[in-house]
Amino acid sequence: MPTPKSPQNAPYVVTLEPGTYMWCACGLSKNQPHCDNAHKGTEYEGTNLAAKMFEIDGNEPKQVALCGCKKTGNPPYCDGTHAL
């Protein structure tokens, strides 16, 4: 299994509207923390490191901390692994 790239050693703190999103799990996206399909045609395609779909529920925007190091144990959310 390939190792994900770590675009930054901190979370991406973003405010998202309710809806469905794709988090970049490989670290190759130029639109971090969101997937832009940069994994296509690479060693990440077809693995669990390609992308992770997640939803923001409710009727109001929500601030979330999405993992930037790509090593979280709770994808797509930051769990502090980057600080270890």
N, C-alpha and C. Protein backbone atom coordinates (compact mmCIF):
# COMPACT_ATOMS: atom_id res chain seq x y z
N MET A 1 0.85 -1.19 0.00
CA MET A 1 0.00 0.00 0.00
C MET A 1 0.89 1.24 0.00
N PRO A 2 0.59 2.20 -0.85
CA PRO A 2 1.39 3.43 -0.87
C PRO A 2 1.16 4.28 0.38
N THR A 3 2.11 5.14 0.65
CA THR A 3 2.01 6.06 1.78
C THR A 3 1.44 7.39 1.27
N PRO A 4 0.46 7.96 1.97
CA PRO A 4 -0.09 9.24 1.50
C PRO A 4 0.93 10.37 1.64
N LYS A 5 0.82 11.35 0.76
CA LYS A 5 1.63 12.56 0.86
C LYS A 5 1.01 13.45 1.93
N SER A 6 1.80 14.22 2.63
CA SER A 6 1.30 15.12 3.68
C SER A 6 1.46 16.57 3.23
N PRO A 7 0.40 17.16 2.67
CA PRO A 7 0.52 18.53 2.17
C PRO A 7 0.76 19.57 3.25
N GLN A 8 0.30 19.30 4.48
CA GLN A 8 0.62 20.21 5.59
C GLN A 8 0.53 19.46 6.90
N ASN A 9 1.28 19.89 7.87
CA ASN A 9 1.36 19.23 9.16
C ASN A 9 0.43 19.91 10.17
N ALA A 10 -0.80 20.13 9.73
CA ALA A 10 -1.84 20.78 10.55
C ALA A 10 -3.17 20.53 9.86
N PRO A 11 -4.26 20.69 10.59
CA PRO A 11 -5.57 20.50 9.95
C PRO A 11 -5.93 21.67 9.03
N TYR A 12 -6.85 21.40 8.14
CA TYR A 12 -7.50 22.44 7.34
C TYR A 12 -8.80 22.76 8.08
N VAL A 13 -8.88 23.92 8.69
CA VAL A 13 -10.09 24.32 9.39
C VAL A 13 -10.95 25.08 8.38
N VAL A 14 -12.09 24.49 8.05
CA VAL A 14 -12.96 25.05 7.02
C VAL A 14 -14.40 25.08 7.50
N THR A 15 -15.18 25.99 6.96
CA THR A 15 -16.61 26.05 7.22
C THR A 15 -17.31 25.55 5.97
N LEU A 16 -18.11 24.49 6.15
CA LEU A 16 -18.78 23.85 5.02
C LEU A 16 -20.29 23.91 5.17
N GLU A 17 -20.95 24.13 4.06
CA GLU A 17 -22.40 24.08 4.00
C GLU A 17 -22.84 22.62 4.10
N PRO A 18 -24.06 22.36 4.57
CA PRO A 18 -24.55 20.98 4.56
C PRO A 18 -24.47 20.40 3.14
N GLY A 19 -24.03 19.17 3.05
CA GLY A 19 -23.89 18.51 1.75
C GLY A 19 -22.86 17.40 1.81
N THR A 20 -22.55 16.86 0.65
CA THR A 20 -21.61 15.75 0.52
C THR A 20 -20.31 16.27 -0.08
N TYR A 21 -19.21 15.83 0.48
CA TYR A 21 -17.88 16.27 0.07
C TYR A 21 -16.97 15.06 -0.10
N MET A 22 -15.88 15.26 -0.86
CA MET A 22 -14.84 14.24 -1.02
C MET A 22 -13.54 14.82 -0.47
N TRP A 23 -13.03 14.16 0.57
CA TRP A 23 -11.76 14.55 1.19
C TRP A 23 -10.62 13.84 0.48
N CYS A 24 -9.56 14.56 0.17
CA CYS A 24 -8.37 13.96 -0.44
C CYS A 24 -7.63 13.14 0.60
N ALA A 25 -7.50 11.85 0.35
CA ALA A 25 -6.79 10.96 1.27
C ALA A 25 -5.35 10.69 0.84
N CYS A 26 -5.04 10.96 -0.44
CA CYS A 26 -3.70 10.66 -0.94
C CYS A 26 -2.72 11.81 -0.76
N GLY A 27 -3.24 13.04 -0.68
CA GLY A 27 -2.39 14.21 -0.52
C GLY A 27 -1.96 14.85 -1.82
N LEU A 28 -2.41 14.35 -2.96
CA LEU A 28 -1.99 14.87 -4.26
C LEU A 28 -2.85 16.02 -4.78
N SER A 29 -4.05 16.18 -4.25
CA SER A 29 -4.97 17.19 -4.76
C SER A 29 -4.38 18.60 -4.69
N LYS A 30 -4.62 19.39 -5.69
CA LYS A 30 -4.21 20.80 -5.69
C LYS A 30 -5.31 21.65 -5.04
N ASN A 31 -6.43 21.02 -4.66
CA ASN A 31 -7.57 21.69 -4.06
C ASN A 31 -7.77 21.21 -2.62
N GLN A 32 -6.68 21.07 -1.87
CA GLN A 32 -6.74 20.56 -0.49
C GLN A 32 -7.72 21.37 0.34
N PRO A 33 -8.45 20.73 1.23
CA PRO A 33 -8.42 19.32 1.59
C PRO A 33 -9.36 18.46 0.75
N HIS A 34 -9.91 19.04 -0.31
CA HIS A 34 -10.88 18.33 -1.13
C HIS A 34 -10.21 17.57 -2.27
N CYS A 35 -10.82 16.47 -2.65
CA CYS A 35 -10.31 15.64 -3.75
C CYS A 35 -10.56 16.32 -5.09
N ASP A 36 -9.55 16.34 -5.96
CA ASP A 36 -9.71 16.83 -7.33
C ASP A 36 -9.38 15.72 -8.33
N ASN A 37 -9.41 14.48 -7.86
CA ASN A 37 -9.14 13.28 -8.67
C ASN A 37 -7.68 13.18 -9.13
N ALA A 38 -6.76 13.86 -8.46
CA ALA A 38 -5.35 13.77 -8.81
C ALA A 38 -4.82 12.35 -8.61
N HIS A 39 -5.52 11.52 -7.83
CA HIS A 39 -5.10 10.14 -7.59
C HIS A 39 -5.29 9.24 -8.81
N LYS A 40 -6.11 9.68 -9.77
CA LYS A 40 -6.38 8.85 -10.96
C LYS A 40 -5.11 8.62 -11.74
N GLY A 41 -4.87 7.36 -12.09
CA GLY A 41 -3.68 7.00 -12.85
C GLY A 41 -2.42 6.89 -12.01
N THR A 42 -2.57 6.94 -10.66
CA THR A 42 -1.42 6.82 -9.77
C THR A 42 -1.55 5.54 -8.95
N GLU A 43 -0.58 5.29 -8.11
CA GLU A 43 -0.60 4.11 -7.25
C GLU A 43 -1.73 4.17 -6.23
N TYR A 44 -2.33 5.34 -6.03
CA TYR A 44 -3.42 5.49 -5.05
C TYR A 44 -4.77 5.08 -5.60
N GLU A 45 -4.91 5.10 -6.92
CA GLU A 45 -6.20 4.76 -7.52
C GLU A 45 -6.61 3.33 -7.15
N GLY A 46 -7.85 3.19 -6.72
CA GLY A 46 -8.37 1.88 -6.35
C GLY A 46 -8.02 1.46 -4.92
N THR A 47 -7.37 2.34 -4.16
CA THR A 47 -7.05 2.03 -2.76
C THR A 47 -7.91 2.90 -1.85
N ASN A 48 -7.83 2.64 -0.55
CA ASN A 48 -8.57 3.47 0.40
C ASN A 48 -7.89 4.83 0.59
N LEU A 49 -6.81 5.08 -0.12
CA LEU A 49 -6.12 6.37 -0.06
C LEU A 49 -6.52 7.30 -1.21
N ALA A 50 -7.48 6.90 -2.02
CA ALA A 50 -7.89 7.73 -3.14
C ALA A 50 -8.70 8.94 -2.66
N ALA A 51 -9.79 8.70 -1.96
CA ALA A 51 -10.66 9.77 -1.47
C ALA A 51 -11.63 9.19 -0.45
N LYS A 52 -12.19 10.06 0.37
CA LYS A 52 -13.16 9.64 1.38
C LYS A 52 -14.35 10.58 1.31
N MET A 53 -15.52 10.01 1.03
CA MET A 53 -16.74 10.80 0.99
C MET A 53 -17.22 11.02 2.42
N PHE A 54 -17.69 12.25 2.69
CA PHE A 54 -18.26 12.56 3.99
C PHE A 54 -19.37 13.57 3.83
N GLU A 55 -20.23 13.64 4.83
CA GLU A 55 -21.38 14.54 4.77
C GLU A 55 -21.40 15.50 5.94
N ILE A 56 -21.86 16.70 5.65
CA ILE A 56 -22.14 17.69 6.68
C ILE A 56 -23.66 17.73 6.79
N ASP A 57 -24.18 17.33 7.93
CA ASP A 57 -25.62 17.26 8.16
C ASP A 57 -26.16 18.57 8.71
N GLY A 58 -27.47 18.67 8.71
CA GLY A 58 -28.13 19.81 9.32
C GLY A 58 -28.55 20.85 8.31
N ASN A 59 -28.88 22.02 8.82
CA ASN A 59 -29.35 23.13 7.98
C ASN A 59 -28.42 24.33 8.02
N GLU A 60 -27.38 24.24 8.83
CA GLU A 60 -26.46 25.37 9.02
C GLU A 60 -25.05 24.97 8.62
N PRO A 61 -24.24 25.93 8.17
CA PRO A 61 -22.82 25.65 7.92
C PRO A 61 -22.15 25.15 9.21
N LYS A 62 -21.13 24.34 9.04
CA LYS A 62 -20.42 23.77 10.20
C LYS A 62 -18.92 23.93 9.99
N GLN A 63 -18.22 24.35 11.05
CA GLN A 63 -16.76 24.44 11.00
C GLN A 63 -16.19 23.10 11.40
N VAL A 64 -15.29 22.58 10.57
CA VAL A 64 -14.66 21.28 10.82
C VAL A 64 -13.16 21.40 10.62
N ALA A 65 -12.41 20.50 11.25
CA ALA A 65 -10.97 20.42 11.08
C ALA A 65 -10.67 19.14 10.30
N LEU A 66 -10.34 19.29 9.02
CA LEU A 66 -10.05 18.16 8.16
C LEU A 66 -8.55 17.89 8.16
N CYS A 67 -8.19 16.63 8.23
CA CYS A 67 -6.80 16.23 8.33
C CYS A 67 -5.96 16.74 7.16
N GLY A 68 -4.83 17.34 7.48
CA GLY A 68 -3.89 17.82 6.46
C GLY A 68 -2.68 16.92 6.30
N CYS A 69 -2.36 16.13 7.34
CA CYS A 69 -1.19 15.25 7.26
C CYS A 69 -1.52 13.91 6.61
N LYS A 70 -2.81 13.60 6.51
CA LYS A 70 -3.33 12.37 5.89
C LYS A 70 -3.01 11.11 6.69
N LYS A 71 -2.74 11.27 8.00
CA LYS A 71 -2.41 10.12 8.85
C LYS A 71 -3.44 9.90 9.96
N THR A 72 -4.53 10.64 9.94
CA THR A 72 -5.55 10.53 10.97
C THR A 72 -6.12 9.11 11.09
N GLY A 73 -6.54 8.78 12.27
CA GLY A 73 -7.23 7.51 12.50
C GLY A 73 -8.74 7.67 12.38
N ASN A 74 -9.18 8.90 12.09
CA ASN A 74 -10.61 9.21 11.99
C ASN A 74 -10.89 10.03 10.73
N PRO A 75 -10.56 9.49 9.54
CA PRO A 75 -10.72 10.27 8.33
C PRO A 75 -12.18 10.65 8.08
N PRO A 76 -12.42 11.86 7.62
CA PRO A 76 -11.48 12.88 7.14
C PRO A 76 -11.05 13.87 8.22
N TYR A 77 -11.46 13.63 9.45
CA TYR A 77 -11.26 14.62 10.51
C TYR A 77 -9.90 14.49 11.19
N CYS A 78 -9.33 15.61 11.55
CA CYS A 78 -8.05 15.66 12.27
C CYS A 78 -8.23 15.04 13.65
N ASP A 79 -7.31 14.17 14.04
CA ASP A 79 -7.32 13.59 15.38
C ASP A 79 -6.05 13.93 16.14
N GLY A 80 -5.26 14.87 15.64
CA GLY A 80 -4.04 15.29 16.31
C GLY A 80 -2.81 14.46 16.00
N THR A 81 -2.93 13.47 15.11
CA THR A 81 -1.80 12.60 14.78
C THR A 81 -0.59 13.40 14.31
N HIS A 82 -0.81 14.51 13.63
CA HIS A 82 0.31 15.32 13.10
C HIS A 82 1.22 15.83 14.21
N ALA A 83 0.70 15.92 15.44
CA ALA A 83 1.48 16.46 16.55
C ALA A 83 2.31 15.40 17.27
N LEU A 84 2.15 14.15 16.88
CA LEU A 84 2.89 13.07 17.57
C LEU A 84 4.32 12.94 17.05
